Amino acid sequence: MFFVELESPTGSIVNTDGSFGVSIRKGLKQIEDWDHWIDGHFSHLKLMFQKYLGTTKMMPDEFITLDKTRVHYALVAGRRKDYKEKTYRAQRKLKRERNITLLHYDNLIDTVQLFKQSGNY
C-alpha cells in the first residue's frame, strides 16, 4: 500500500538553514496520524477496499492482512528551488529511518516527462 500526502508547492517549505519548514512538518504529522490510524483501524480499511473492488476480483494479500513492511508513505511538498543540501540530507534520513519518501513537485513533473518520452502510456 502506498499513501501519498500532497502539501503546497509554495509557502514555508524549508527554513533558511534548509531544515523542514511548516509545510513539510505538517505533511509528516499527517503521515504519522495515518500510520497510527492504520494500526487501530486496518479492518475498516480492508472493508473499504473490498467494497470498492467488488466480488468479481480477488484482493492482493497486502490489502487483506496488515503487514507494516508493505505500507509506504510519500510526501510531496515544495519545488526543487526550495530544497537545500541540509534538506536533502534530512530527506535521505527520513527515508532510511521512517520509510517516508520526500519529494518536491519537480520530481513529479520530471517523472511525467520521462513517462511521456518513453511512449509507454
Protein backbone atom coordinates (compact mmCIF):
# COMPACT_ATOMS: atom_id res chain seq x y z
CA MET A 1 0.00 0.00 0.00
CA PHE A 2 1.23 3.43 -0.86
CA PHE A 3 -0.16 6.57 0.77
CA VAL A 4 0.71 9.99 -0.65
CA GLU A 5 0.34 13.30 1.17
CA LEU A 6 0.32 16.37 -1.07
CA GLU A 7 1.30 19.66 0.52
CA SER A 8 1.59 23.06 -1.09
CA PRO A 9 4.17 23.66 -3.80
CA THR A 10 4.64 27.12 -2.28
CA GLY A 11 4.86 28.54 1.21
CA SER A 12 7.07 27.64 4.13
CA ILE A 13 8.68 24.52 2.66
CA VAL A 14 12.08 24.77 4.34
CA ASN A 15 13.64 27.19 6.80
CA THR A 16 16.55 29.40 5.76
CA ASP A 17 19.01 26.83 7.09
CA GLY A 18 17.43 24.06 4.98
CA SER A 19 15.60 22.31 7.83
CA PHE A 20 12.00 21.27 7.28
CA GLY A 21 9.55 24.17 7.26
CA VAL A 22 5.89 24.29 8.23
CA SER A 23 4.59 22.55 5.06
CA ILE A 24 6.87 19.54 5.35
CA ARG A 25 6.33 19.22 9.11
CA LYS A 26 2.55 19.40 8.57
CA GLY A 27 2.77 16.63 5.96
CA LEU A 28 4.91 14.47 8.24
CA LYS A 29 2.36 14.91 11.04
CA GLN A 30 -0.42 13.79 8.67
CA ILE A 31 1.55 10.67 7.72
CA GLU A 32 2.17 9.92 11.40
CA ASP A 33 -1.58 10.23 12.03
CA TRP A 34 -2.32 7.84 9.14
CA ASP A 35 0.19 5.34 10.47
CA HIS A 36 -1.42 5.36 13.92
CA TRP A 37 -4.90 5.12 12.39
CA ILE A 38 -3.91 2.10 10.29
CA ASP A 39 -2.64 0.32 13.41
CA GLY A 40 -6.04 0.52 15.07
CA HIS A 41 -8.42 0.54 12.11
CA PHE A 42 -6.96 -1.72 9.43
CA SER A 43 -10.05 -3.94 9.48
CA HIS A 44 -12.16 -0.90 8.49
CA LEU A 45 -9.73 -0.03 5.71
CA LYS A 46 -9.84 -3.61 4.48
CA LEU A 47 -13.66 -3.43 4.29
CA MET A 48 -13.42 -0.22 2.27
CA PHE A 49 -11.02 -1.86 -0.19
CA GLN A 50 -13.34 -4.83 -0.55
CA LYS A 51 -16.39 -2.58 -1.03
CA TYR A 52 -14.85 -0.74 -3.95
CA LEU A 53 -13.24 -3.78 -5.52
CA GLY A 54 -16.45 -5.76 -5.56
CA THR A 55 -16.88 -9.50 -5.52
CA THR A 56 -15.55 -10.25 -9.01
CA LYS A 57 -11.85 -9.69 -8.27
CA MET A 58 -9.53 -11.10 -5.64
CA MET A 59 -7.73 -8.62 -3.47
CA PRO A 60 -3.92 -8.94 -3.19
CA ASP A 61 -2.62 -10.19 0.17
CA GLU A 62 -1.19 -6.82 1.15
CA PHE A 63 -4.74 -5.43 1.27
CA ILE A 64 -6.11 -8.29 3.38
CA THR A 65 -3.50 -8.68 6.12
CA LEU A 66 -1.74 -5.85 7.87
CA ASP A 67 1.99 -6.09 7.24
CA LYS A 68 3.59 -2.75 8.06
CA THR A 69 6.61 -3.64 5.92
CA ARG A 70 4.27 -3.28 2.92
CA VAL A 71 2.98 0.15 3.93
CA HIS A 72 4.81 3.02 2.25
CA TYR A 73 4.38 6.76 2.52
CA ALA A 74 5.33 9.67 0.30
CA LEU A 75 5.15 13.37 0.99
CA VAL A 76 5.23 15.88 -1.86
CA ALA A 77 5.95 19.47 -0.87
CA GLY A 78 7.59 22.48 -2.44
CA ARG A 79 9.68 22.83 -5.56
CA ARG A 80 13.29 21.94 -6.36
CA LYS A 81 14.41 25.53 -5.77
CA ASP A 82 13.21 25.31 -2.16
CA TYR A 83 15.44 22.37 -1.20
CA LYS A 84 18.94 22.90 0.12
CA GLU A 85 21.75 20.42 0.90
CA LYS A 86 20.54 20.12 4.50
CA THR A 87 17.03 19.38 3.20
CA TYR A 88 18.33 16.56 1.01
CA ARG A 89 20.29 15.07 3.93
CA ALA A 90 17.14 15.16 6.08
CA GLN A 91 15.21 13.65 3.14
CA ARG A 92 17.58 10.66 2.97
CA LYS A 93 17.41 10.22 6.75
CA LEU A 94 13.61 10.33 6.63
CA LYS A 95 13.60 7.53 4.05
CA ARG A 96 16.07 5.41 6.00
CA GLU A 97 14.59 5.85 9.48
CA ARG A 98 10.86 6.28 8.89
CA ASN A 99 10.28 4.81 5.41
CA ILE A 100 8.86 8.11 4.15
CA THR A 101 9.81 9.31 0.68
CA LEU A 102 10.01 13.10 0.49
CA LEU A 103 9.60 14.56 -2.99
CA HIS A 104 9.14 18.00 -4.47
CA TYR A 105 6.69 18.71 -7.27
CA ASP A 106 9.52 18.93 -9.80
CA ASN A 107 10.15 15.21 -9.17
CA LEU A 108 6.59 14.52 -10.32
CA ILE A 109 6.96 16.75 -13.38
CA ASP A 110 10.27 15.08 -14.33
CA THR A 111 8.75 11.63 -13.98
CA VAL A 112 5.73 12.50 -16.12
CA GLN A 113 8.00 13.91 -18.83
CA LEU A 114 10.13 10.73 -18.84
CA PHE A 115 6.98 8.64 -18.96
CA LYS A 116 5.66 10.61 -21.95
CA GLN A 117 9.00 10.36 -23.75
CA SER A 118 9.06 6.60 -23.32
CA GLY A 119 5.79 6.22 -25.21
CA ASN A 120 4.53 3.71 -22.65
CA TYR A 121 1.32 5.45 -21.71
